[in-house]
Amino acid sequence: MMGQDDTQEPDPQQTILQLEQQASKDKEALDKLLVAYQAQEADINEMKAQVETLNRELIDKETEKEGINNLLTNLRRQKDEMEVDLAKANTKIPFLETKLEKTEEMLEREKARLGTAITLAEEIDESNQAAQAELAARDDWYIQHMQIFEELNDAIKTRHDMIDRAIATAKEIQSKQETFQEQKKAVIEDIKNMESETVEEPEESNEIVSDKE
């Protein structure tokens, strides 16, 4: 017979039951951890997607900003070029206006003195009016386009064309004026020749009378 202080061996069924309960608890804990992990993984994926979206938007914004900066740079450069061109054009206006005034004065004098040059004088008058119209059109264009820079290329081309036409008109006026001066000199020479012939005829008559005496 065994003694009372001998320990009893554990019941295998009881041990298996305890292990199964522990395994069930562990499995439940693992399931909870898995659900939590999956939830965190979904949150992380969503955050990654948001970060990628923000990065793409940031790149787009940087690209847009760079494009705007380039546009502003081009506009500033074109504005500076336009101001330089306008300054150059403005330096030519006093010369053209002075030349126009002198031409008008000369036209009035020549109209009064030389009746044979009326046709040419009328052509010069028309050229003066055309020059005035070109200057007025240039001034109107300057006022209308002073603050408009969206169509700089067209505006610059238009201004250049108007200046070229004004210069061409001034050259045409100068050419006609030179022709006018040549015709005036020719008329004066003809008048002098006629006066010389008129003086010579009386002298010849006097010589004939002297011979008869």
N, C-alpha and C. Protein backbone atom coordinates (compact mmCIF):
# COMPACT_ATOMS: atom_id res chain seq x y z
N MET A 1 0.85 -1.18 0.00
CA MET A 1 0.00 0.00 0.00
C MET A 1 0.89 1.24 0.00
N MET A 2 0.38 2.23 -0.66
CA MET A 2 1.18 3.46 -0.76
C MET A 2 0.86 4.35 0.41
N GLY A 3 1.81 5.28 0.70
CA GLY A 3 1.59 6.20 1.81
C GLY A 3 0.67 7.35 1.40
N GLN A 4 0.12 8.01 2.41
CA GLN A 4 -0.80 9.13 2.14
C GLN A 4 -0.08 10.35 1.59
N ASP A 5 1.27 10.49 1.89
CA ASP A 5 1.99 11.69 1.41
C ASP A 5 2.47 11.57 -0.02
N ASP A 6 2.17 10.38 -0.65
CA ASP A 6 2.55 10.25 -2.06
C ASP A 6 1.68 11.16 -2.91
N THR A 7 2.29 11.92 -3.91
CA THR A 7 1.53 12.84 -4.79
C THR A 7 0.77 12.06 -5.80
N GLN A 8 -0.45 12.65 -6.12
CA GLN A 8 -1.26 11.99 -7.13
C GLN A 8 -0.84 12.47 -8.52
N GLU A 9 -0.81 11.56 -9.47
CA GLU A 9 -0.47 11.92 -10.85
C GLU A 9 -1.61 12.71 -11.47
N PRO A 10 -1.30 13.76 -12.32
CA PRO A 10 -2.35 14.59 -12.95
C PRO A 10 -3.17 13.76 -13.90
N ASP A 11 -4.42 14.15 -13.98
CA ASP A 11 -5.34 13.45 -14.87
C ASP A 11 -5.06 13.91 -16.30
N PRO A 12 -4.76 12.99 -17.20
CA PRO A 12 -4.47 13.37 -18.61
C PRO A 12 -5.64 14.08 -19.25
N GLN A 13 -6.83 13.66 -19.00
CA GLN A 13 -8.00 14.31 -19.62
C GLN A 13 -8.11 15.76 -19.17
N GLN A 14 -7.84 15.95 -17.87
CA GLN A 14 -7.91 17.31 -17.35
C GLN A 14 -6.84 18.19 -17.99
N THR A 15 -5.64 17.62 -18.17
CA THR A 15 -4.54 18.36 -18.79
C THR A 15 -4.87 18.73 -20.24
N ILE A 16 -5.43 17.78 -20.98
CA ILE A 16 -5.80 18.02 -22.38
C ILE A 16 -6.87 19.10 -22.46
N LEU A 17 -7.82 19.05 -21.53
CA LEU A 17 -8.89 20.05 -21.53
C LEU A 17 -8.31 21.44 -21.26
N GLN A 18 -7.38 21.51 -20.32
CA GLN A 18 -6.76 22.81 -20.03
C GLN A 18 -5.98 23.34 -21.23
N LEU A 19 -5.24 22.41 -21.90
CA LEU A 19 -4.48 22.82 -23.07
C LEU A 19 -5.39 23.29 -24.20
N GLU A 20 -6.49 22.61 -24.37
CA GLU A 20 -7.44 23.01 -25.41
C GLU A 20 -8.04 24.38 -25.11
N GLN A 21 -8.35 24.60 -23.82
CA GLN A 21 -8.90 25.91 -23.45
C GLN A 21 -7.87 27.02 -23.70
N GLN A 22 -6.61 26.68 -23.31
CA GLN A 22 -5.55 27.68 -23.52
C GLN A 22 -5.34 27.95 -25.00
N ALA A 23 -5.39 26.88 -25.80
CA ALA A 23 -5.22 27.02 -27.24
C ALA A 23 -6.35 27.86 -27.83
N SER A 24 -7.57 27.65 -27.33
CA SER A 24 -8.72 28.44 -27.81
C SER A 24 -8.54 29.91 -27.48
N LYS A 25 -8.06 30.16 -26.23
CA LYS A 25 -7.82 31.54 -25.86
C LYS A 25 -6.72 32.17 -26.72
N ASP A 26 -5.66 31.37 -26.92
CA ASP A 26 -4.56 31.90 -27.76
C ASP A 26 -5.04 32.19 -29.18
N LYS A 27 -5.88 31.25 -29.73
CA LYS A 27 -6.39 31.45 -31.09
C LYS A 27 -7.26 32.70 -31.15
N GLU A 28 -8.08 32.90 -30.11
CA GLU A 28 -8.94 34.10 -30.09
C GLU A 28 -8.10 35.36 -30.03
N ALA A 29 -7.04 35.30 -29.20
CA ALA A 29 -6.15 36.47 -29.12
C ALA A 29 -5.46 36.73 -30.45
N LEU A 30 -5.01 35.60 -31.10
CA LEU A 30 -4.36 35.75 -32.41
C LEU A 30 -5.32 36.32 -33.45
N ASP A 31 -6.57 35.86 -33.39
CA ASP A 31 -7.56 36.39 -34.34
C ASP A 31 -7.76 37.88 -34.14
N LYS A 32 -7.83 38.27 -32.87
CA LYS A 32 -7.98 39.69 -32.59
C LYS A 32 -6.77 40.48 -33.09
N LEU A 33 -5.56 39.90 -32.83
CA LEU A 33 -4.35 40.57 -33.31
C LEU A 33 -4.34 40.66 -34.83
N LEU A 34 -4.80 39.58 -35.50
CA LEU A 34 -4.84 39.57 -36.97
C LEU A 34 -5.80 40.64 -37.49
N VAL A 35 -6.98 40.72 -36.85
CA VAL A 35 -7.95 41.74 -37.27
C VAL A 35 -7.36 43.14 -37.07
N ALA A 36 -6.71 43.34 -35.92
CA ALA A 36 -6.10 44.64 -35.65
C ALA A 36 -4.99 44.94 -36.65
N TYR A 37 -4.19 43.90 -36.97
CA TYR A 37 -3.11 44.08 -37.94
C TYR A 37 -3.67 44.43 -39.31
N GLN A 38 -4.73 43.70 -39.72
CA GLN A 38 -5.33 43.97 -41.03
C GLN A 38 -5.92 45.38 -41.09
N ALA A 39 -6.53 45.78 -39.95
CA ALA A 39 -7.08 47.14 -39.91
C ALA A 39 -5.97 48.18 -40.03
N GLN A 40 -4.86 47.91 -39.29
CA GLN A 40 -3.73 48.84 -39.38
C GLN A 40 -3.12 48.84 -40.78
N GLU A 41 -3.04 47.63 -41.37
CA GLU A 41 -2.49 47.53 -42.73
C GLU A 41 -3.37 48.30 -43.72
N ALA A 42 -4.69 48.21 -43.56
CA ALA A 42 -5.60 48.96 -44.43
C ALA A 42 -5.41 50.46 -44.24
N ASP A 43 -5.27 50.87 -42.96
CA ASP A 43 -5.04 52.29 -42.69
C ASP A 43 -3.73 52.76 -43.31
N ILE A 44 -2.70 51.91 -43.19
CA ILE A 44 -1.39 52.26 -43.76
C ILE A 44 -1.48 52.38 -45.28
N ASN A 45 -2.17 51.42 -45.91
CA ASN A 45 -2.33 51.48 -47.38
C ASN A 45 -3.10 52.72 -47.80
N GLU A 46 -4.12 53.05 -47.02
CA GLU A 46 -4.89 54.25 -47.35
C GLU A 46 -4.03 55.50 -47.20
N MET A 47 -3.21 55.52 -46.13
CA MET A 47 -2.32 56.65 -45.93
C MET A 47 -1.28 56.73 -47.05
N LYS A 48 -0.77 55.55 -47.49
CA LYS A 48 0.18 55.56 -48.61
C LYS A 48 -0.47 56.12 -49.87
N ALA A 49 -1.70 55.70 -50.10
CA ALA A 49 -2.42 56.21 -51.29
C ALA A 49 -2.60 57.72 -51.19
N GLN A 50 -2.94 58.18 -49.99
CA GLN A 50 -3.10 59.62 -49.81
C GLN A 50 -1.79 60.34 -50.02
N VAL A 51 -0.70 59.75 -49.51
CA VAL A 51 0.62 60.36 -49.69
C VAL A 51 0.99 60.42 -51.16
N GLU A 52 0.72 59.33 -51.89
CA GLU A 52 1.01 59.33 -53.32
C GLU A 52 0.19 60.38 -54.05
N THR A 53 -1.10 60.49 -53.67
CA THR A 53 -1.95 61.51 -54.29
C THR A 53 -1.43 62.90 -54.00
N LEU A 54 -1.03 63.12 -52.73
CA LEU A 54 -0.49 64.42 -52.37
C LEU A 54 0.81 64.72 -53.11
N ASN A 55 1.65 63.68 -53.27
CA ASN A 55 2.90 63.86 -54.01
C ASN A 55 2.63 64.23 -55.47
N ARG A 56 1.64 63.52 -56.08
CA ARG A 56 1.30 63.86 -57.46
C ARG A 56 0.76 65.28 -57.56
N GLU A 57 -0.12 65.65 -56.60
CA GLU A 57 -0.65 67.01 -56.62
C GLU A 57 0.47 68.03 -56.41
N LEU A 58 1.43 67.68 -55.54
CA LEU A 58 2.55 68.58 -55.30
C LEU A 58 3.38 68.76 -56.57
N ILE A 59 3.62 67.64 -57.28
CA ILE A 59 4.37 67.72 -58.54
C ILE A 59 3.62 68.57 -59.56
N ASP A 60 2.29 68.34 -59.63
CA ASP A 60 1.48 69.13 -60.56
C ASP A 60 1.54 70.60 -60.21
N LYS A 61 1.46 70.90 -58.90
CA LYS A 61 1.51 72.30 -58.48
C LYS A 61 2.87 72.92 -58.80
N GLU A 62 3.94 72.14 -58.60
CA GLU A 62 5.27 72.66 -58.91
C GLU A 62 5.40 72.92 -60.40
N THR A 63 4.86 71.97 -61.20
CA THR A 63 4.91 72.16 -62.66
C THR A 63 4.11 73.38 -63.07
N GLU A 64 2.92 73.51 -62.47
CA GLU A 64 2.08 74.68 -62.79
C GLU A 64 2.77 75.97 -62.35
N LYS A 65 3.41 75.92 -61.18
CA LYS A 65 4.11 77.11 -60.69
C LYS A 65 5.26 77.47 -61.62
N GLU A 66 5.99 76.45 -62.08
CA GLU A 66 7.10 76.70 -63.00
C GLU A 66 6.60 77.31 -64.30
N GLY A 67 5.45 76.77 -64.81
CA GLY A 67 4.87 77.32 -66.03
C GLY A 67 4.46 78.77 -65.85
N ILE A 68 3.84 79.07 -64.71
CA ILE A 68 3.42 80.45 -64.44
C ILE A 68 4.64 81.37 -64.34
N ASN A 69 5.70 80.89 -63.67
CA ASN A 69 6.91 81.71 -63.56
C ASN A 69 7.52 81.98 -64.93
N ASN A 70 7.53 80.94 -65.78
CA ASN A 70 8.06 81.13 -67.13
C ASN A 70 7.22 82.13 -67.91
N LEU A 71 5.89 82.00 -67.76
CA LEU A 71 5.00 82.95 -68.44
C LEU A 71 5.24 84.37 -67.97
N LEU A 72 5.37 84.54 -66.65
CA LEU A 72 5.62 85.88 -66.10
C LEU A 72 6.95 86.43 -66.59
N THR A 73 7.97 85.54 -66.65
CA THR A 73 9.28 85.98 -67.15
C THR A 73 9.18 86.45 -68.59
N ASN A 74 8.47 85.67 -69.42
CA ASN A 74 8.31 86.04 -70.82
C ASN A 74 7.55 87.35 -70.96
N LEU A 75 6.50 87.50 -70.12
CA LEU A 75 5.72 88.74 -70.19
C LEU A 75 6.56 89.94 -69.78
N ARG A 76 7.38 89.77 -68.72
CA ARG A 76 8.24 90.87 -68.31
C ARG A 76 9.25 91.22 -69.41
N ARG A 77 9.84 90.17 -70.01
CA ARG A 77 10.81 90.42 -71.09
C ARG A 77 10.14 91.12 -72.27
N GLN A 78 8.97 90.64 -72.66
CA GLN A 78 8.27 91.27 -73.78
C GLN A 78 7.85 92.69 -73.44
N LYS A 79 7.46 92.92 -72.18
CA LYS A 79 7.09 94.28 -71.75
C LYS A 79 8.30 95.20 -71.85
N ASP A 80 9.48 94.71 -71.39
CA ASP A 80 10.69 95.54 -71.48
C ASP A 80 11.04 95.83 -72.94
N GLU A 81 10.93 94.81 -73.81
CA GLU A 81 11.22 95.02 -75.22
C GLU A 81 10.25 96.03 -75.83
N MET A 82 8.97 95.93 -75.42
CA MET A 82 7.98 96.85 -75.96
C MET A 82 8.27 98.28 -75.51
N GLU A 83 8.66 98.44 -74.25
CA GLU A 83 8.98 99.78 -73.75
C GLU A 83 10.20 100.36 -74.48
N VAL A 84 11.20 99.51 -74.77
CA VAL A 84 12.37 99.99 -75.52
C VAL A 84 11.96 100.42 -76.92
N ASP A 85 11.13 99.61 -77.56
CA ASP A 85 10.67 99.95 -78.92
C ASP A 85 9.86 101.23 -78.91
N LEU A 86 9.00 101.39 -77.89
CA LEU A 86 8.20 102.61 -77.80
C LEU A 86 9.08 103.83 -77.57
N ALA A 87 10.12 103.65 -76.75
CA ALA A 87 11.04 104.76 -76.51
C ALA A 87 11.75 105.17 -77.80
N LYS A 88 12.16 104.14 -78.58
CA LYS A 88 12.81 104.45 -79.86
C LYS A 88 11.84 105.17 -80.80
N ALA A 89 10.59 104.69 -80.82
CA ALA A 89 9.61 105.33 -81.70
C ALA A 89 9.34 106.76 -81.27
N ASN A 90 9.28 106.99 -79.95
CA ASN A 90 9.00 108.33 -79.44
C ASN A 90 10.13 109.31 -79.77
N THR A 91 11.38 108.80 -79.87
CA THR A 91 12.48 109.69 -80.23
C THR A 91 12.38 110.14 -81.69
N LYS A 92 11.70 109.36 -82.52
CA LYS A 92 11.56 109.73 -83.93
C LYS A 92 10.41 110.71 -84.16
N ILE A 93 9.45 110.73 -83.23
CA ILE A 93 8.26 111.56 -83.45
C ILE A 93 8.61 113.04 -83.52
N PRO A 94 9.43 113.62 -82.61
CA PRO A 94 9.75 115.06 -82.73
C PRO A 94 10.39 115.39 -84.07
N PHE A 95 11.28 114.51 -84.54
CA PHE A 95 11.92 114.76 -85.83
C PHE A 95 10.89 114.79 -86.94
N LEU A 96 9.96 113.83 -86.92
CA LEU A 96 8.93 113.79 -87.96
C LEU A 96 8.00 115.00 -87.87
N GLU A 97 7.65 115.38 -86.63
CA GLU A 97 6.77 116.53 -86.47
C GLU A 97 7.45 117.81 -86.94
N THR A 98 8.74 117.98 -86.59
CA THR A 98 9.48 119.16 -87.04
C THR A 98 9.59 119.19 -88.56
N LYS A 99 9.89 118.06 -89.14
CA LYS A 99 10.00 117.96 -90.58
C LYS A 99 8.66 118.26 -91.24
N LEU A 100 7.58 117.77 -90.60
CA LEU A 100 6.25 118.02 -91.13
C LEU A 100 5.91 119.50 -91.09
N GLU A 101 6.24 120.19 -89.99
CA GLU A 101 5.98 121.63 -89.89
C GLU A 101 6.76 122.41 -90.94
N LYS A 102 8.03 122.05 -91.10
CA LYS A 102 8.84 122.76 -92.09
C LYS A 102 8.29 122.52 -93.50
N THR A 103 7.87 121.32 -93.75
CA THR A 103 7.32 121.01 -95.06
C THR A 103 6.04 121.80 -95.33
N GLU A 104 5.20 121.91 -94.29
CA GLU A 104 3.97 122.69 -94.45
C GLU A 104 4.26 124.16 -94.73
N GLU A 105 5.24 124.72 -94.01
CA GLU A 105 5.60 126.11 -94.24
C GLU A 105 6.15 126.30 -95.65
N MET A 106 7.02 125.41 -96.05
CA MET A 106 7.59 125.51 -97.38
C MET A 106 6.51 125.35 -98.45
N LEU A 107 5.57 124.46 -98.18
CA LEU A 107 4.47 124.25 -99.13
C LEU A 107 3.66 125.53 -99.32
N GLU A 108 3.33 126.20 -98.21
CA GLU A 108 2.55 127.43 -98.32
C GLU A 108 3.32 128.50 -99.08
N ARG A 109 4.62 128.64 -98.83
CA ARG A 109 5.42 129.65 -99.54
C ARG A 109 5.49 129.35 -101.03
N GLU A 110 5.73 128.06 -101.35
CA GLU A 110 5.88 127.72 -102.76
C GLU A 110 4.56 127.81 -103.51
N LYS A 111 3.44 127.54 -102.83
CA LYS A 111 2.14 127.71 -103.47
C LYS A 111 1.93 129.16 -103.88
N ALA A 112 2.32 130.10 -102.98
CA ALA A 112 2.11 131.51 -103.26
C ALA A 112 3.06 132.03 -104.34
N ARG A 113 4.28 131.50 -104.42
CA ARG A 113 5.30 132.03 -105.33
C ARG A 113 5.29 131.37 -106.70
N LEU A 114 5.00 130.08 -106.76
CA LEU A 114 5.14 129.36 -108.03
C LEU A 114 3.80 128.75 -108.42
N GLY A 115 3.11 129.42 -109.33
CA GLY A 115 1.83 128.89 -109.77
C GLY A 115 1.97 127.66 -110.64
N THR A 116 3.14 127.50 -111.27
CA THR A 116 3.34 126.35 -112.15
C THR A 116 3.54 125.04 -111.39
N ALA A 117 3.76 125.14 -110.06
CA ALA A 117 4.01 123.94 -109.27
C ALA A 117 2.80 123.57 -108.41
N ILE A 118 1.59 124.00 -108.81
CA ILE A 118 0.40 123.74 -108.00
C ILE A 118 0.13 122.24 -107.88
N THR A 119 0.26 121.52 -108.98
CA THR A 119 -0.02 120.08 -108.95
C THR A 119 0.91 119.35 -107.98
N LEU A 120 2.19 119.67 -108.09
CA LEU A 120 3.16 119.05 -107.19
C LEU A 120 2.90 119.45 -105.74
N ALA A 121 2.51 120.71 -105.53
CA ALA A 121 2.22 121.17 -104.17
C ALA A 121 1.04 120.41 -103.58
N GLU A 122 0.03 120.13 -104.41
CA GLU A 122 -1.12 119.38 -103.92
C GLU A 122 -0.71 117.97 -103.51
N GLU A 123 0.18 117.36 -104.27
CA GLU A 123 0.67 116.02 -103.90
C GLU A 123 1.41 116.06 -102.57
N ILE A 124 2.21 117.10 -102.37
CA ILE A 124 2.92 117.22 -101.09
C ILE A 124 1.92 117.42 -99.95
N ASP A 125 0.85 118.20 -100.21
CA ASP A 125 -0.17 118.41 -99.19
C ASP A 125 -0.83 117.09 -98.80
N GLU A 126 -1.12 116.27 -99.80
CA GLU A 126 -1.71 114.96 -99.51
C GLU A 126 -0.74 114.09 -98.71
N SER A 127 0.55 114.19 -99.06
CA SER A 127 1.55 113.42 -98.30
C SER A 127 1.61 113.90 -96.86
N ASN A 128 1.48 115.22 -96.65
CA ASN A 128 1.47 115.75 -95.28
C ASN A 128 0.28 115.21 -94.50
N GLN A 129 -0.88 115.22 -95.15
CA GLN A 129 -2.07 114.70 -94.48
C GLN A 129 -1.92 113.22 -94.15
N ALA A 130 -1.30 112.47 -95.07
CA ALA A 130 -1.06 111.05 -94.80
C ALA A 130 -0.12 110.87 -93.62
N ALA A 131 0.92 111.72 -93.55
CA ALA A 131 1.86 111.63 -92.42
C ALA A 131 1.17 111.97 -91.11
N GLN A 132 0.29 113.00 -91.14
CA GLN A 132 -0.45 113.35 -89.93
C GLN A 132 -1.37 112.21 -89.50
N ALA A 133 -2.00 111.57 -90.49
CA ALA A 133 -2.88 110.44 -90.17
C ALA A 133 -2.08 109.29 -89.57
N GLU A 134 -0.88 109.05 -90.08
CA GLU A 134 -0.04 107.98 -89.54
C GLU A 134 0.36 108.30 -88.10
N LEU A 135 0.73 109.56 -87.83
CA LEU A 135 1.10 109.94 -86.47
C LEU A 135 -0.10 109.84 -85.53
N ALA A 136 -1.26 110.28 -86.00
CA ALA A 136 -2.47 110.19 -85.17
C ALA A 136 -2.83 108.73 -84.90
N ALA A 137 -2.70 107.89 -85.93
CA ALA A 137 -2.99 106.47 -85.75
C ALA A 137 -2.01 105.84 -84.77
N ARG A 138 -0.73 106.23 -84.84
CA ARG A 138 0.25 105.70 -83.90
C ARG A 138 -0.07 106.10 -82.47
N ASP A 139 -0.49 107.39 -82.26
CA ASP A 139 -0.85 107.86 -80.92
C ASP A 139 -2.08 107.12 -80.40
N ASP A 140 -3.09 106.93 -81.26
CA ASP A 140 -4.28 106.18 -80.84
C ASP A 140 -3.92 104.76 -80.48
N TRP A 141 -3.07 104.16 -81.28
CA TRP A 141 -2.65 102.77 -80.98
C TRP A 141 -1.92 102.71 -79.64
N TYR A 142 -1.06 103.69 -79.37
CA TYR A 142 -0.30 103.70 -78.11
C TYR A 142 -1.25 103.77 -76.92
N ILE A 143 -2.27 104.61 -77.00
CA ILE A 143 -3.21 104.76 -75.89
C ILE A 143 -4.02 103.47 -75.69
N GLN A 144 -4.45 102.87 -76.79
CA GLN A 144 -5.29 101.68 -76.70
C GLN A 144 -4.52 100.47 -76.19
N HIS A 145 -3.24 100.39 -76.49
CA HIS A 145 -2.46 99.20 -76.16
C HIS A 145 -1.46 99.44 -75.03
N MET A 146 -1.62 100.54 -74.28
CA MET A 146 -0.64 100.88 -73.26
C MET A 146 -0.59 99.81 -72.17
N GLN A 147 -1.71 99.23 -71.79
CA GLN A 147 -1.75 98.26 -70.70
C GLN A 147 -2.14 96.86 -71.19
N ILE A 148 -2.06 96.64 -72.47
CA ILE A 148 -2.43 95.32 -73.01
C ILE A 148 -1.14 94.60 -73.38
N PHE A 149 -0.92 93.44 -72.72
CA PHE A 149 0.28 92.67 -73.02
C PHE A 149 -0.05 91.23 -73.43
N GLU A 150 -1.32 90.94 -73.61
CA GLU A 150 -1.69 89.57 -73.98
C GLU A 150 -1.39 89.29 -75.45
N GLU A 151 -1.38 90.37 -76.28
CA GLU A 151 -1.12 90.18 -77.71
C GLU A 151 0.08 91.02 -78.10
N LEU A 152 1.19 90.76 -77.40
CA LEU A 152 2.37 91.59 -77.57
C LEU A 152 2.97 91.48 -78.99
N ASN A 153 3.03 90.26 -79.51
CA ASN A 153 3.66 90.09 -80.81
C ASN A 153 2.92 90.86 -81.90
N ASP A 154 1.59 90.74 -81.90
CA ASP A 154 0.80 91.45 -82.90
C ASP A 154 0.93 92.96 -82.72
N ALA A 155 0.92 93.39 -81.44
CA ALA A 155 1.01 94.82 -81.19
C ALA A 155 2.34 95.38 -81.65
N ILE A 156 3.44 94.65 -81.37
CA ILE A 156 4.77 95.11 -81.77
C ILE A 156 4.88 95.17 -83.29
N LYS A 157 4.36 94.15 -83.97
CA LYS A 157 4.41 94.13 -85.43
C LYS A 157 3.62 95.31 -86.01
N THR A 158 2.43 95.55 -85.42
CA THR A 158 1.61 96.67 -85.91
C THR A 158 2.34 97.99 -85.72
N ARG A 159 2.95 98.17 -84.55
CA ARG A 159 3.67 99.42 -84.30
C ARG A 159 4.84 99.59 -85.25
N HIS A 160 5.59 98.52 -85.51
CA HIS A 160 6.70 98.59 -86.45
C HIS A 160 6.23 98.95 -87.85
N ASP A 161 5.12 98.34 -88.26
CA ASP A 161 4.58 98.65 -89.59
C ASP A 161 4.19 100.12 -89.68
N MET A 162 3.56 100.63 -88.63
CA MET A 162 3.14 102.03 -88.65
C MET A 162 4.36 102.96 -88.70
N ILE A 163 5.40 102.62 -87.94
CA ILE A 163 6.61 103.45 -87.95
C ILE A 163 7.27 103.40 -89.33
N ASP A 164 7.32 102.20 -89.91
CA ASP A 164 7.91 102.07 -91.25
C ASP A 164 7.14 102.90 -92.27
N ARG A 165 5.80 102.86 -92.16
CA ARG A 165 5.02 103.65 -93.11
C ARG A 165 5.26 105.14 -92.89
N ALA A 166 5.38 105.56 -91.61
CA ALA A 166 5.63 106.97 -91.34
C ALA A 166 6.99 107.40 -91.90
N ILE A 167 8.00 106.53 -91.72
CA ILE A 167 9.33 106.84 -92.24
C ILE A 167 9.30 106.87 -93.77
N ALA A 168 8.60 105.90 -94.36
CA ALA A 168 8.50 105.87 -95.82
C ALA A 168 7.79 107.12 -96.33
N THR A 169 6.74 107.56 -95.59
CA THR A 169 6.04 108.78 -95.99
C THR A 169 6.96 109.99 -95.88
N ALA A 170 7.75 110.04 -94.81
CA ALA A 170 8.69 111.15 -94.65
C ALA A 170 9.72 111.15 -95.78
N LYS A 171 10.22 109.95 -96.13
CA LYS A 171 11.17 109.88 -97.25
C LYS A 171 10.51 110.31 -98.55
N GLU A 172 9.24 109.90 -98.72
CA GLU A 172 8.54 110.30 -99.94
C GLU A 172 8.37 111.81 -99.98
N ILE A 173 8.04 112.41 -98.83
CA ILE A 173 7.91 113.87 -98.76
C ILE A 173 9.24 114.53 -99.11
N GLN A 174 10.33 113.99 -98.56
CA GLN A 174 11.65 114.56 -98.83
C GLN A 174 11.99 114.45 -100.31
N SER A 175 11.67 113.29 -100.91
CA SER A 175 11.93 113.11 -102.33
C SER A 175 11.12 114.08 -103.18
N LYS A 176 9.84 114.24 -102.84
CA LYS A 176 9.01 115.18 -103.59
C LYS A 176 9.48 116.61 -103.38
N GLN A 177 9.96 116.90 -102.16
CA GLN A 177 10.45 118.24 -101.89
C GLN A 177 11.69 118.53 -102.73
N GLU A 178 12.57 117.54 -102.86
CA GLU A 178 13.76 117.73 -103.69
C GLU A 178 13.36 117.96 -105.15
N THR A 179 12.36 117.18 -105.60
CA THR A 179 11.86 117.38 -106.97
C THR A 179 11.28 118.77 -107.11
N PHE A 180 10.55 119.19 -106.09
CA PHE A 180 9.94 120.51 -106.10
C PHE A 180 11.03 121.59 -106.18
N GLN A 181 12.09 121.43 -105.41
CA GLN A 181 13.18 122.41 -105.43
C GLN A 181 13.85 122.45 -106.81
N GLU A 182 14.03 121.28 -107.41
CA GLU A 182 14.63 121.24 -108.75
C GLU A 182 13.75 121.97 -109.75
N GLN A 183 12.42 121.71 -109.68
CA GLN A 183 11.51 122.40 -110.60
C GLN A 183 11.52 123.91 -110.34
N LYS A 184 11.59 124.30 -109.07
CA LYS A 184 11.62 125.72 -108.74
C LYS A 184 12.88 126.37 -109.32
N LYS A 185 14.03 125.68 -109.15
CA LYS A 185 15.26 126.23 -109.72
C LYS A 185 15.16 126.35 -111.24
N ALA A 186 14.52 125.34 -111.86
CA ALA A 186 14.38 125.39 -113.31
C ALA A 186 13.51 126.56 -113.72
N VAL A 187 12.41 126.79 -113.00
CA VAL A 187 11.54 127.93 -113.32
C VAL A 187 12.29 129.26 -113.15
N ILE A 188 13.06 129.37 -112.07
CA ILE A 188 13.83 130.60 -111.84
C ILE A 188 14.84 130.82 -112.94
N GLU A 189 15.52 129.75 -113.37
CA GLU A 189 16.50 129.85 -114.46
C GLU A 189 15.81 130.31 -115.74
N ASP A 190 14.59 129.74 -116.00
CA ASP A 190 13.86 130.15 -117.20
C ASP A 190 13.52 131.64 -117.13
N ILE A 191 13.09 132.09 -115.96
CA ILE A 191 12.76 133.52 -115.81
C ILE A 191 13.99 134.39 -116.04
N LYS A 192 15.14 133.97 -115.46
CA LYS A 192 16.38 134.74 -115.67
C LYS A 192 16.76 134.77 -117.14
N ASN A 193 16.62 133.64 -117.81
CA ASN A 193 16.96 133.61 -119.24
C ASN A 193 16.06 134.53 -120.03
N MET A 194 14.74 134.53 -119.68
CA MET A 194 13.81 135.42 -120.38
C MET A 194 14.18 136.87 -120.12
N GLU A 195 14.57 137.21 -118.89
CA GLU A 195 14.97 138.58 -118.60
C GLU A 195 16.23 138.97 -119.37
N SER A 196 17.17 138.04 -119.49
CA SER A 196 18.40 138.31 -120.23
C SER A 196 18.10 138.56 -121.69
N GLU A 197 17.24 137.76 -122.28
CA GLU A 197 16.88 137.95 -123.69
C GLU A 197 16.17 139.27 -123.88
N THR A 198 15.32 139.67 -122.92
CA THR A 198 14.60 140.94 -123.01
C THR A 198 15.57 142.11 -122.97
N VAL A 199 16.63 142.00 -122.17
CA VAL A 199 17.63 143.07 -122.08
C VAL A 199 18.46 143.15 -123.35
N GLU A 200 18.80 142.03 -123.94
CA GLU A 200 19.65 142.01 -125.13
C GLU A 200 18.94 142.60 -126.34
N GLU A 201 17.62 142.40 -126.48
CA GLU A 201 16.89 142.91 -127.66
C GLU A 201 16.95 144.43 -127.77
N PRO A 202 16.71 145.22 -126.72
CA PRO A 202 16.85 146.68 -126.85
C PRO A 202 18.26 147.11 -127.22
N GLU A 203 19.29 146.42 -126.70
CA GLU A 203 20.66 146.77 -127.03
C GLU A 203 20.92 146.60 -128.53
N GLU A 204 20.40 145.50 -129.10
CA GLU A 204 20.58 145.28 -130.54
C GLU A 204 19.88 146.36 -131.34
N SER A 205 18.69 146.78 -130.92
CA SER A 205 17.96 147.83 -131.62
C SER A 205 18.74 149.14 -131.61
N ASN A 206 19.36 149.47 -130.50
CA ASN A 206 20.16 150.69 -130.39
C ASN A 206 21.35 150.65 -131.32
N GLU A 207 21.97 149.49 -131.44
CA GLU A 207 23.13 149.37 -132.33
C GLU A 207 22.72 149.60 -133.78
N ILE A 208 21.56 149.11 -134.19
CA ILE A 208 21.09 149.29 -135.56
C ILE A 208 20.83 150.76 -135.84
N VAL A 209 20.24 151.46 -134.92
CA VAL A 209 19.97 152.91 -135.10
C VAL A 209 21.27 153.68 -135.23
N SER A 210 22.28 153.33 -134.46
CA SER A 210 23.58 154.00 -134.52
C SER A 210 24.23 153.79 -135.88
N ASP A 211 24.12 152.62 -136.43
CA ASP A 211 24.71 152.33 -137.73
C ASP A 211 24.06 153.17 -138.82
N LYS A 212 22.77 153.34 -138.78
CA LYS A 212 22.07 154.15 -139.78
C LYS A 212 22.50 155.60 -139.74
N GLU A 213 22.76 156.13 -138.57
CA GLU A 213 23.21 157.52 -138.47
C GLU A 213 24.59 157.68 -139.05
